[in-house]
Amino acid sequence: MITDRDIARWRLRSQHLAEPVGAAEDVVRSLLAVQAENPSQSAWAVATRTREPQAGELARLLEHGRVVRTHVLRPTWHYVHQEDVLWLIELTRDRVLPTIDQQLVPLGDRLPAIADTVLEILAAEPDRTRAELAEALAQRGHELSGMQLMLLAAHLELHALICSGAPRDGEHTYALFSDRVIAPRRLDRDEALVELALRYFTSHGPATVRDLAYWATLTLTDVRRGLSGAADRLESFDHDGRTYWHAPGAPPASASPAGHLLQVLDEMYRGYQDSRWTLDAEGLLARGRETAMGMALVDGQMLAAMKRTLDKRAATFQIRPLRGLDSDETAAIEDAAARYARYLALEPRLVWV
């Protein structure tokens, strides 16, 4: 009998939180896309899945264009390997673009001219920050609010015209897609749906078709169409009225490392919707209300809320347990804090509240 705890623990392994891999590039390629809304915290989401987390590894991948940070899958940023970014954008953008374009309606007939100007600016001088791009547009007679520029950039990203450039002092920049993404894979729609199903259920499984439909902003019809072409390379089981798909193999008996400090943007939380709450088998959290807190996971279960603050010397992790913790659970969280702080080259400091 497979339980919610088994599924959550299994996902730790599928997502490389247990049994980490060797390099950040392997993490991004394996997970297919990694939520990247907050650059600092999402960098840890990648690094914590490697055996020896290195603070600058992801930044180097972004600098050289091996990994791209762009809008794809949902109306938000993701890290995607350059080999996968184009087919993934082409597969999912028609469901995402209306959300973006509806908010650009106030620009009216000005939109094409402004978009062309952005491309001209980046062709002449790539790797511009958003502030620099706003200034260059204003000098050419196109003054935009911060929100308008963010939406315009997302619009151009979803058309595969621009994407992330080389980071500068840790700040996101923009460049032309064609300059950064060299020889991307091209897949027709049926091939892409199969590839998506295979890669998602392998890297995020066990998961349901509704989980994938949420993750990729696709219809259930499209997800099932892709799954039909990938099912012979996957396995499934039924639990709690749902069918879960996963890579071939049995569930792990234990997770190592057991403790993890993550944000709710992490794929362990944001990678699911239909079966998200397998990470709360005890029902410690209220359902139906999105949480904004960080998570302290032990063996795949959310046992405490976490808030991270940094200063010059220490990384402070404020931990608010959702129930009483035993000594092994406390030790797992302490170990997770030590790993996180070591990655930041800071002293770990835990505050239990």
Protein backbone atom coordinates (compact mmCIF):
# COMPACT_ATOMS: atom_id res chain seq x y z
CA MET A 1 0.00 0.00 0.00
CA ILE A 2 1.55 3.29 -1.16
CA THR A 3 0.88 6.30 1.09
CA ASP A 4 1.15 10.06 0.72
CA ARG A 5 4.43 9.87 2.64
CA ASP A 6 5.78 7.35 0.17
CA ILE A 7 4.89 9.62 -2.75
CA ALA A 8 6.49 12.69 -1.19
CA ARG A 9 9.65 10.75 -0.33
CA TRP A 10 9.73 9.34 -3.87
CA ARG A 11 9.58 12.89 -5.27
CA LEU A 12 12.63 13.84 -3.24
CA ARG A 13 14.56 11.26 -5.22
CA SER A 14 12.97 12.08 -8.60
CA GLN A 15 13.83 15.75 -8.10
CA HIS A 16 17.38 15.05 -6.85
CA LEU A 17 16.80 16.48 -3.39
CA ALA A 18 17.63 13.00 -2.20
CA GLU A 19 20.45 11.46 -4.22
CA PRO A 20 21.71 14.79 -5.65
CA VAL A 21 23.46 14.93 -9.02
CA GLY A 22 26.87 16.25 -9.98
CA ALA A 23 26.22 19.62 -11.60
CA ALA A 24 23.68 22.45 -11.83
CA GLU A 25 23.34 21.92 -15.58
CA ASP A 26 22.28 18.31 -14.90
CA VAL A 27 19.60 19.56 -12.48
CA VAL A 28 18.05 21.98 -14.98
CA ARG A 29 18.17 19.50 -17.85
CA SER A 30 16.68 16.74 -15.70
CA LEU A 31 13.83 18.79 -14.21
CA LEU A 32 13.15 20.34 -17.66
CA ALA A 33 12.19 23.68 -16.06
CA VAL A 34 12.82 25.13 -12.61
CA GLN A 35 10.69 27.95 -11.20
CA ALA A 36 12.95 31.04 -11.13
CA GLU A 37 10.85 33.99 -9.96
CA ASN A 38 13.24 34.93 -7.14
CA PRO A 39 16.84 34.70 -8.48
CA SER A 40 18.58 34.25 -5.13
CA GLN A 41 16.23 31.63 -3.73
CA SER A 42 15.77 29.82 -7.03
CA ALA A 43 19.56 29.57 -7.39
CA TRP A 44 19.49 27.56 -4.16
CA ALA A 45 16.66 25.44 -5.57
CA VAL A 46 19.11 24.35 -8.29
CA ALA A 47 22.23 24.17 -6.12
CA THR A 48 20.66 22.11 -3.34
CA ARG A 49 20.02 19.33 -5.87
CA THR A 50 23.76 18.97 -6.52
CA ARG A 51 26.22 16.96 -4.45
CA GLU A 52 28.52 19.93 -3.79
CA PRO A 53 26.47 23.16 -4.07
CA GLN A 54 28.47 26.02 -5.57
CA ALA A 55 27.13 29.57 -5.40
CA GLY A 56 28.48 30.67 -8.79
CA GLU A 57 27.71 27.57 -10.86
CA LEU A 58 24.26 28.58 -12.09
CA ALA A 59 25.44 32.13 -12.80
CA ARG A 60 28.17 30.75 -15.07
CA LEU A 61 25.62 28.66 -16.96
CA LEU A 62 23.46 31.76 -17.45
CA GLU A 63 26.48 33.82 -18.51
CA HIS A 64 27.40 31.33 -21.22
CA GLY A 65 23.81 30.69 -22.29
CA ARG A 66 23.81 27.01 -21.34
CA VAL A 67 20.79 27.77 -19.16
CA VAL A 68 18.22 30.47 -19.98
CA ARG A 69 15.98 32.31 -17.53
CA THR A 70 12.81 33.23 -19.37
CA HIS A 71 9.02 33.18 -19.25
CA VAL A 72 7.72 29.74 -20.17
CA LEU A 73 5.13 27.17 -18.98
CA ARG A 74 3.23 29.68 -16.83
CA PRO A 75 3.26 33.50 -16.64
CA THR A 76 6.50 33.42 -14.64
CA TRP A 77 10.24 32.89 -15.04
CA HIS A 78 11.84 29.46 -15.26
CA TYR A 79 15.36 28.19 -15.75
CA VAL A 80 15.47 26.00 -18.87
CA HIS A 81 18.37 24.36 -20.65
CA GLN A 82 19.11 26.00 -24.00
CA GLU A 83 18.43 22.71 -25.81
CA ASP A 84 14.86 22.59 -24.47
CA VAL A 85 13.78 26.21 -24.30
CA LEU A 86 12.44 26.71 -27.82
CA TRP A 87 10.22 23.65 -28.13
CA LEU A 88 8.92 24.22 -24.60
CA ILE A 89 8.00 27.84 -25.39
CA GLU A 90 6.35 26.87 -28.67
CA LEU A 91 4.34 24.12 -26.97
CA THR A 92 2.98 26.16 -24.06
CA ARG A 93 2.88 29.84 -25.10
CA ASP A 94 -0.58 29.91 -26.71
CA ARG A 95 -2.13 29.25 -23.30
CA VAL A 96 0.13 31.72 -21.47
CA LEU A 97 0.25 34.68 -23.88
CA PRO A 98 -3.39 35.80 -23.42
CA THR A 99 -2.70 36.46 -19.73
CA ILE A 100 0.23 38.70 -20.66
CA ASP A 101 -1.26 40.36 -23.74
CA GLN A 102 -4.51 41.29 -22.01
CA GLN A 103 -2.48 43.51 -19.67
CA LEU A 104 -0.70 45.12 -22.63
CA VAL A 105 -3.95 46.31 -24.24
CA PRO A 106 -3.46 49.90 -22.94
CA LEU A 107 -0.40 50.21 -25.20
CA GLY A 108 -2.71 49.81 -28.19
CA ASP A 109 -1.20 50.41 -31.62
CA ARG A 110 2.10 51.46 -30.02
CA LEU A 111 2.97 47.87 -29.06
CA PRO A 112 4.60 46.74 -32.37
CA ALA A 113 6.79 49.85 -32.60
CA ILE A 114 7.89 49.57 -28.97
CA ALA A 115 8.64 45.86 -29.41
CA ASP A 116 10.73 46.57 -32.51
CA THR A 117 12.64 49.24 -30.62
CA VAL A 118 13.48 46.79 -27.82
CA LEU A 119 14.91 44.40 -30.39
CA GLU A 120 16.94 47.19 -32.00
CA ILE A 121 18.36 48.24 -28.63
CA LEU A 122 19.38 44.69 -27.69
CA ALA A 123 20.85 44.03 -31.14
CA ALA A 124 23.09 47.07 -30.73
CA GLU A 125 24.00 46.43 -27.09
CA PRO A 126 22.92 43.16 -25.46
CA ASP A 127 22.87 42.23 -21.78
CA ARG A 128 20.83 45.26 -20.70
CA THR A 129 19.18 45.38 -17.31
CA ARG A 130 15.51 46.31 -17.16
CA ALA A 131 16.40 49.78 -15.87
CA GLU A 132 18.82 50.31 -18.76
CA LEU A 133 16.24 49.07 -21.23
CA ALA A 134 13.63 51.47 -19.79
CA GLU A 135 16.06 54.39 -20.11
CA ALA A 136 16.96 53.50 -23.70
CA LEU A 137 13.28 53.25 -24.62
CA ALA A 138 12.51 56.60 -23.01
CA GLN A 139 15.31 58.23 -24.99
CA ARG A 140 13.55 56.97 -28.13
CA GLY A 141 10.18 58.37 -27.06
CA HIS A 142 8.70 55.24 -25.47
CA GLU A 143 8.19 55.81 -21.75
CA LEU A 144 6.78 52.75 -20.01
CA SER A 145 5.90 52.00 -16.42
CA GLY A 146 7.87 49.26 -14.70
CA MET A 147 4.93 46.89 -14.99
CA GLN A 148 4.42 47.65 -18.68
CA LEU A 149 8.07 46.94 -19.44
CA MET A 150 7.98 43.69 -17.47
CA LEU A 151 4.89 42.55 -19.40
CA LEU A 152 6.38 43.63 -22.73
CA ALA A 153 9.54 41.66 -21.98
CA ALA A 154 7.46 38.59 -21.12
CA HIS A 155 5.54 39.03 -24.39
CA LEU A 156 8.80 39.06 -26.35
CA GLU A 157 10.19 36.13 -24.37
CA LEU A 158 7.12 34.04 -25.17
CA HIS A 159 7.65 34.81 -28.86
CA ALA A 160 11.27 33.59 -28.49
CA LEU A 161 12.61 37.01 -29.47
CA ILE A 162 14.45 37.86 -26.24
CA CYS A 163 15.58 35.95 -23.16
CA SER A 164 18.06 36.33 -20.33
CA GLY A 165 21.47 37.74 -21.10
CA ALA A 166 24.62 37.38 -19.04
CA PRO A 167 23.90 38.37 -15.41
CA ARG A 168 25.65 41.50 -14.19
CA ASP A 169 26.48 41.72 -10.48
CA GLY A 170 23.74 39.18 -9.89
CA GLU A 171 21.14 41.23 -11.78
CA HIS A 172 19.02 39.81 -14.60
CA THR A 173 19.69 41.20 -18.07
CA TYR A 174 18.05 40.80 -21.47
CA ALA A 175 19.50 39.80 -24.84
CA LEU A 176 18.22 38.59 -28.19
CA PHE A 177 17.06 34.99 -28.09
CA SER A 178 18.86 34.22 -31.36
CA ASP A 179 22.16 35.45 -29.89
CA ARG A 180 21.88 33.34 -26.73
CA VAL A 181 20.22 30.12 -27.85
CA ILE A 182 22.30 28.36 -30.45
CA ALA A 183 20.85 25.36 -32.36
CA PRO A 184 17.89 24.59 -30.06
CA ARG A 185 15.91 21.39 -30.49
CA ARG A 186 12.84 21.65 -32.70
CA LEU A 187 9.91 19.31 -32.10
CA ASP A 188 6.50 19.18 -33.74
CA ARG A 189 3.54 19.45 -31.40
CA ASP A 190 2.91 15.72 -31.01
CA GLU A 191 6.59 15.04 -30.39
CA ALA A 192 6.70 17.86 -27.85
CA LEU A 193 3.67 16.57 -25.95
CA VAL A 194 5.25 13.12 -25.64
CA GLU A 195 8.60 14.59 -24.62
CA LEU A 196 6.92 16.79 -22.02
CA ALA A 197 5.00 13.90 -20.48
CA LEU A 198 8.05 11.65 -20.36
CA ARG A 199 10.34 14.29 -18.90
CA TYR A 200 7.84 15.63 -16.34
CA PHE A 201 6.72 12.27 -14.96
CA THR A 202 10.33 11.09 -14.82
CA SER A 203 11.61 14.19 -13.01
CA HIS A 204 8.56 15.05 -10.90
CA GLY A 205 6.86 11.71 -10.51
CA PRO A 206 4.88 10.19 -9.09
CA ALA A 207 2.41 12.79 -10.32
CA THR A 208 -0.98 12.99 -12.00
CA VAL A 209 -2.13 14.27 -15.37
CA ARG A 210 -3.76 17.21 -13.58
CA ASP A 211 -0.43 18.05 -11.97
CA LEU A 212 1.19 18.23 -15.39
CA ALA A 213 -1.69 20.22 -16.89
CA TYR A 214 -1.20 22.81 -14.14
CA TRP A 215 2.60 22.82 -14.42
CA ALA A 216 2.62 23.36 -18.18
CA THR A 217 -0.65 25.35 -18.51
CA LEU A 218 -2.00 22.76 -20.96
CA THR A 219 -5.40 21.15 -21.35
CA LEU A 220 -6.01 17.69 -19.96
CA THR A 221 -6.66 16.58 -23.54
CA ASP A 222 -3.15 17.63 -24.57
CA VAL A 223 -1.56 16.06 -21.50
CA ARG A 224 -3.34 12.74 -22.08
CA ARG A 225 -2.34 12.87 -25.74
CA GLY A 226 1.30 13.20 -24.75
CA LEU A 227 1.01 10.55 -22.06
CA SER A 228 -0.40 8.05 -24.56
CA GLY A 229 2.89 8.27 -26.47
CA ALA A 230 5.08 8.04 -23.36
CA ALA A 231 3.17 5.50 -21.26
CA ASP A 232 5.24 2.53 -22.47
CA ARG A 233 8.31 4.14 -20.85
CA LEU A 234 6.57 4.95 -17.56
CA GLU A 235 4.80 3.07 -14.79
CA SER A 236 1.71 3.96 -12.78
CA PHE A 237 -0.30 3.13 -9.68
CA ASP A 238 -3.61 4.23 -8.20
CA HIS A 239 -3.83 5.99 -4.86
CA ASP A 240 -6.59 7.99 -3.18
CA GLY A 241 -8.72 8.08 -6.33
CA ARG A 242 -5.87 9.28 -8.58
CA THR A 243 -3.52 7.61 -11.04
CA TYR A 244 0.13 8.50 -10.48
CA TRP A 245 2.74 8.19 -13.23
CA HIS A 246 6.47 7.84 -12.66
CA ALA A 247 9.74 6.51 -14.06
CA PRO A 248 10.10 2.73 -13.79
CA GLY A 249 11.23 1.55 -10.37
CA ALA A 250 10.11 1.07 -6.80
CA PRO A 251 9.66 3.82 -4.18
CA PRO A 252 12.73 4.57 -2.03
CA ALA A 253 12.77 3.28 1.53
CA SER A 254 14.35 6.44 2.93
CA ALA A 255 15.58 9.88 1.86
CA SER A 256 19.13 11.15 2.14
CA PRO A 257 19.64 13.91 2.99
CA ALA A 258 16.38 13.92 4.95
CA GLY A 259 16.05 17.65 5.71
CA HIS A 260 15.55 20.52 3.26
CA LEU A 261 14.95 24.26 3.64
CA LEU A 262 13.11 25.53 0.55
CA GLN A 263 10.78 28.26 -0.63
CA VAL A 264 7.24 27.48 -1.75
CA LEU A 265 8.32 28.41 -5.28
CA ASP A 266 10.43 25.25 -5.23
CA GLU A 267 9.41 22.44 -7.56
CA MET A 268 8.59 20.24 -4.55
CA TYR A 269 5.65 22.56 -3.91
CA ARG A 270 5.03 24.52 -7.11
CA GLY A 271 5.59 21.51 -9.37
CA TYR A 272 2.17 20.10 -8.44
CA GLN A 273 -1.36 21.24 -7.77
CA ASP A 274 -3.65 18.22 -7.90
CA SER A 275 -1.48 16.16 -5.54
CA ARG A 276 0.53 18.91 -3.85
CA TRP A 277 -0.50 17.97 -0.36
CA THR A 278 1.27 14.64 -0.27
CA LEU A 279 3.97 16.73 1.46
CA ASP A 280 1.54 17.36 4.33
CA ALA A 281 0.25 13.88 5.13
CA GLU A 282 -0.60 14.93 8.70
CA GLY A 283 -2.80 17.83 7.58
CA LEU A 284 -0.82 20.43 9.51
CA LEU A 285 -1.51 23.22 7.00
CA ALA A 286 -4.79 24.86 6.07
CA ARG A 287 -6.03 23.86 2.61
CA GLY A 288 -7.34 26.21 -0.04
CA ARG A 289 -5.15 29.16 0.92
CA GLU A 290 -1.81 29.79 -0.76
CA THR A 291 1.04 30.00 1.68
CA ALA A 292 3.80 32.57 1.29
CA MET A 293 6.22 30.97 3.70
CA GLY A 294 9.33 28.93 3.23
CA MET A 295 9.29 25.26 4.07
CA ALA A 296 11.29 22.98 6.33
CA LEU A 297 10.86 19.47 4.94
CA VAL A 298 11.89 16.28 6.68
CA ASP A 299 11.65 13.08 4.68
CA GLY A 300 9.42 14.91 2.20
CA GLN A 301 6.98 16.26 4.80
CA MET A 302 6.48 19.96 5.60
CA LEU A 303 6.98 20.07 9.35
CA ALA A 304 7.80 23.74 9.87
CA ALA A 305 7.58 27.17 8.31
CA MET A 306 10.91 28.76 7.43
CA LYS A 307 12.04 32.34 6.92
CA ARG A 308 15.57 33.15 5.73
CA THR A 309 17.41 36.41 6.46
CA LEU A 310 21.02 37.23 5.62
CA ASP A 311 23.65 39.58 6.99
CA LYS A 312 27.39 39.86 6.42
CA ARG A 313 28.22 37.01 8.78
CA ALA A 314 25.27 34.68 9.13
CA ALA A 315 22.34 33.09 7.41
CA THR A 316 19.52 33.10 9.94
CA PHE A 317 16.74 30.56 9.53
CA GLN A 318 13.65 31.25 11.59
CA ILE A 319 11.90 27.92 12.09
CA ARG A 320 8.32 27.69 13.28
CA PRO A 321 7.39 24.03 13.81
CA LEU A 322 3.86 23.04 12.86
CA ARG A 323 3.92 20.40 15.60
CA GLY A 324 6.38 19.06 18.14
CA LEU A 325 9.52 17.67 16.51
CA ASP A 326 11.53 14.68 17.68
CA SER A 327 15.31 14.67 17.91
CA ASP A 328 15.84 13.13 14.45
CA GLU A 329 13.57 15.70 12.81
CA THR A 330 15.33 18.56 14.60
CA ALA A 331 18.72 17.20 13.58
CA ALA A 332 17.60 16.93 9.93
CA ILE A 333 16.56 20.61 9.90
CA GLU A 334 19.81 21.64 11.56
CA ASP A 335 21.74 19.71 8.92
CA ALA A 336 19.74 21.41 6.15
CA ALA A 337 20.49 24.84 7.63
CA ALA A 338 24.21 24.02 7.78
CA ARG A 339 24.24 22.97 4.10
CA TYR A 340 22.36 26.09 3.03
CA ALA A 341 24.64 28.43 5.01
CA ARG A 342 27.77 26.69 3.72
CA TYR A 343 26.57 27.29 0.15
CA LEU A 344 26.18 31.01 1.02
CA ALA A 345 29.63 31.05 2.72
CA LEU A 346 27.95 32.24 5.93
CA GLU A 347 27.55 30.93 9.45
CA PRO A 348 24.28 29.06 10.07
CA ARG A 349 21.99 30.46 12.78
CA LEU A 350 18.70 28.80 13.71
CA VAL A 351 15.96 30.59 15.61
CA TRP A 352 13.14 28.35 16.80
CA VAL A 353 9.85 30.18 17.34
